[in-house]
């Protein structure tokens, strides 16, 4: 059975949305760099903490996490900094 959407692993990183993790003070350059990237096919890649198991049992009925998906948490300042770069449509 095919899904309505499938991630394309061949898509490249096109541009960062927002400021770099260094600019936001969210990294020590060793333990990770939460970030949001637009891919060259229009999809979005997110780098954040994997909290799938901590949230799985608390999801609303309208949400589901497939075995090959992860719930990722970002610092609030990452998404706020990305807002000007996120297209309206």
Protein backbone atom coordinates (compact mmCIF):
# COMPACT_ATOMS: atom_id res chain seq x y z
CA UNK A 1 0.00 0.00 0.00
CA UNK A 2 1.42 3.39 -0.95
CA UNK A 3 1.16 6.50 1.17
CA UNK A 4 -0.26 9.84 -0.02
CA UNK A 5 3.18 11.44 0.58
CA UNK A 6 6.63 9.93 0.72
CA UNK A 7 9.91 11.61 1.67
CA UNK A 8 12.48 11.85 -1.12
CA UNK A 9 15.91 10.96 0.30
CA UNK A 10 17.61 12.35 -2.82
CA UNK A 11 16.36 15.93 -2.17
CA UNK A 12 19.13 18.37 -1.32
CA UNK A 13 19.29 21.07 1.32
CA UNK A 14 18.35 24.32 -0.43
CA UNK A 15 18.30 27.00 2.28
CA UNK A 16 18.03 27.46 6.01
CA UNK A 17 14.82 28.99 7.31
CA UNK A 18 15.68 31.52 9.98
CA UNK A 19 18.98 32.02 11.77
CA UNK A 20 21.72 29.50 12.34
CA UNK A 21 21.84 27.59 15.63
CA UNK A 22 24.99 29.55 16.49
CA UNK A 23 23.23 32.90 15.97
CA UNK A 24 20.36 31.75 18.20
CA UNK A 25 22.62 30.41 20.94
CA UNK A 26 21.16 26.90 20.62
CA UNK A 27 24.39 24.98 20.10
CA UNK A 28 27.81 24.44 21.55
CA UNK A 29 28.82 23.01 18.13
CA UNK A 30 29.26 19.58 19.76
CA UNK A 31 25.93 18.34 21.12
CA UNK A 32 23.60 19.16 18.23
CA UNK A 33 22.18 22.03 16.24
CA UNK A 34 18.37 22.39 16.08
CA UNK A 35 17.54 23.75 12.63
CA UNK A 36 14.92 24.04 9.85
CA UNK A 37 15.81 23.62 6.16
CA UNK A 38 13.87 23.92 2.92
CA UNK A 39 14.76 21.11 0.53
CA UNK A 40 15.20 21.61 -3.20
CA UNK A 41 11.92 19.76 -3.84
CA UNK A 42 9.96 22.12 -1.54
CA UNK A 43 9.74 19.76 1.44
CA UNK A 44 11.13 20.76 4.83
CA UNK A 45 13.78 19.04 6.97
CA UNK A 46 13.87 19.60 10.73
CA UNK A 47 16.76 18.87 13.08
CA UNK A 48 15.62 18.58 16.69
CA UNK A 49 15.37 16.28 19.68
CA UNK A 50 13.62 12.97 19.13
CA UNK A 51 10.87 12.76 21.77
CA UNK A 52 8.72 10.24 19.91
CA UNK A 53 8.34 7.79 22.76
CA UNK A 54 7.67 10.51 25.34
CA UNK A 55 4.76 11.86 23.28
CA UNK A 56 3.41 8.76 21.52
CA UNK A 57 0.80 7.91 24.19
CA UNK A 58 -0.31 11.55 24.48
CA UNK A 59 -1.15 12.20 20.83
CA UNK A 60 -4.67 13.34 19.97
CA UNK A 61 -6.79 10.88 17.96
CA UNK A 62 -6.17 12.89 14.79
CA UNK A 63 -2.38 12.34 14.98
CA UNK A 64 -0.26 9.24 14.45
CA UNK A 65 3.45 8.46 14.28
CA UNK A 66 4.41 5.73 11.81
CA UNK A 67 7.27 3.36 12.61
CA UNK A 68 9.56 5.29 10.26
CA UNK A 69 8.56 8.72 11.66
CA UNK A 70 9.75 10.67 14.68
CA UNK A 71 8.21 13.48 16.71
CA UNK A 72 10.89 16.16 16.87
CA UNK A 73 10.97 19.07 19.31
CA UNK A 74 12.62 22.39 18.46
CA UNK A 75 13.42 25.36 20.67
CA UNK A 76 10.72 28.01 20.24
CA UNK A 77 13.26 30.57 19.01
CA UNK A 78 14.13 28.37 16.00
CA UNK A 79 10.60 28.43 14.59
CA UNK A 80 10.10 32.11 15.41
CA UNK A 81 13.33 32.94 13.57
CA UNK A 82 12.19 30.79 10.60
CA UNK A 83 8.76 32.44 10.33
CA UNK A 84 9.81 35.19 7.86
CA UNK A 85 11.22 32.52 5.51
CA UNK A 86 8.16 30.23 5.59
CA UNK A 87 6.03 30.80 2.47
CA UNK A 88 2.36 31.70 2.88
CA UNK A 89 1.37 29.16 0.23
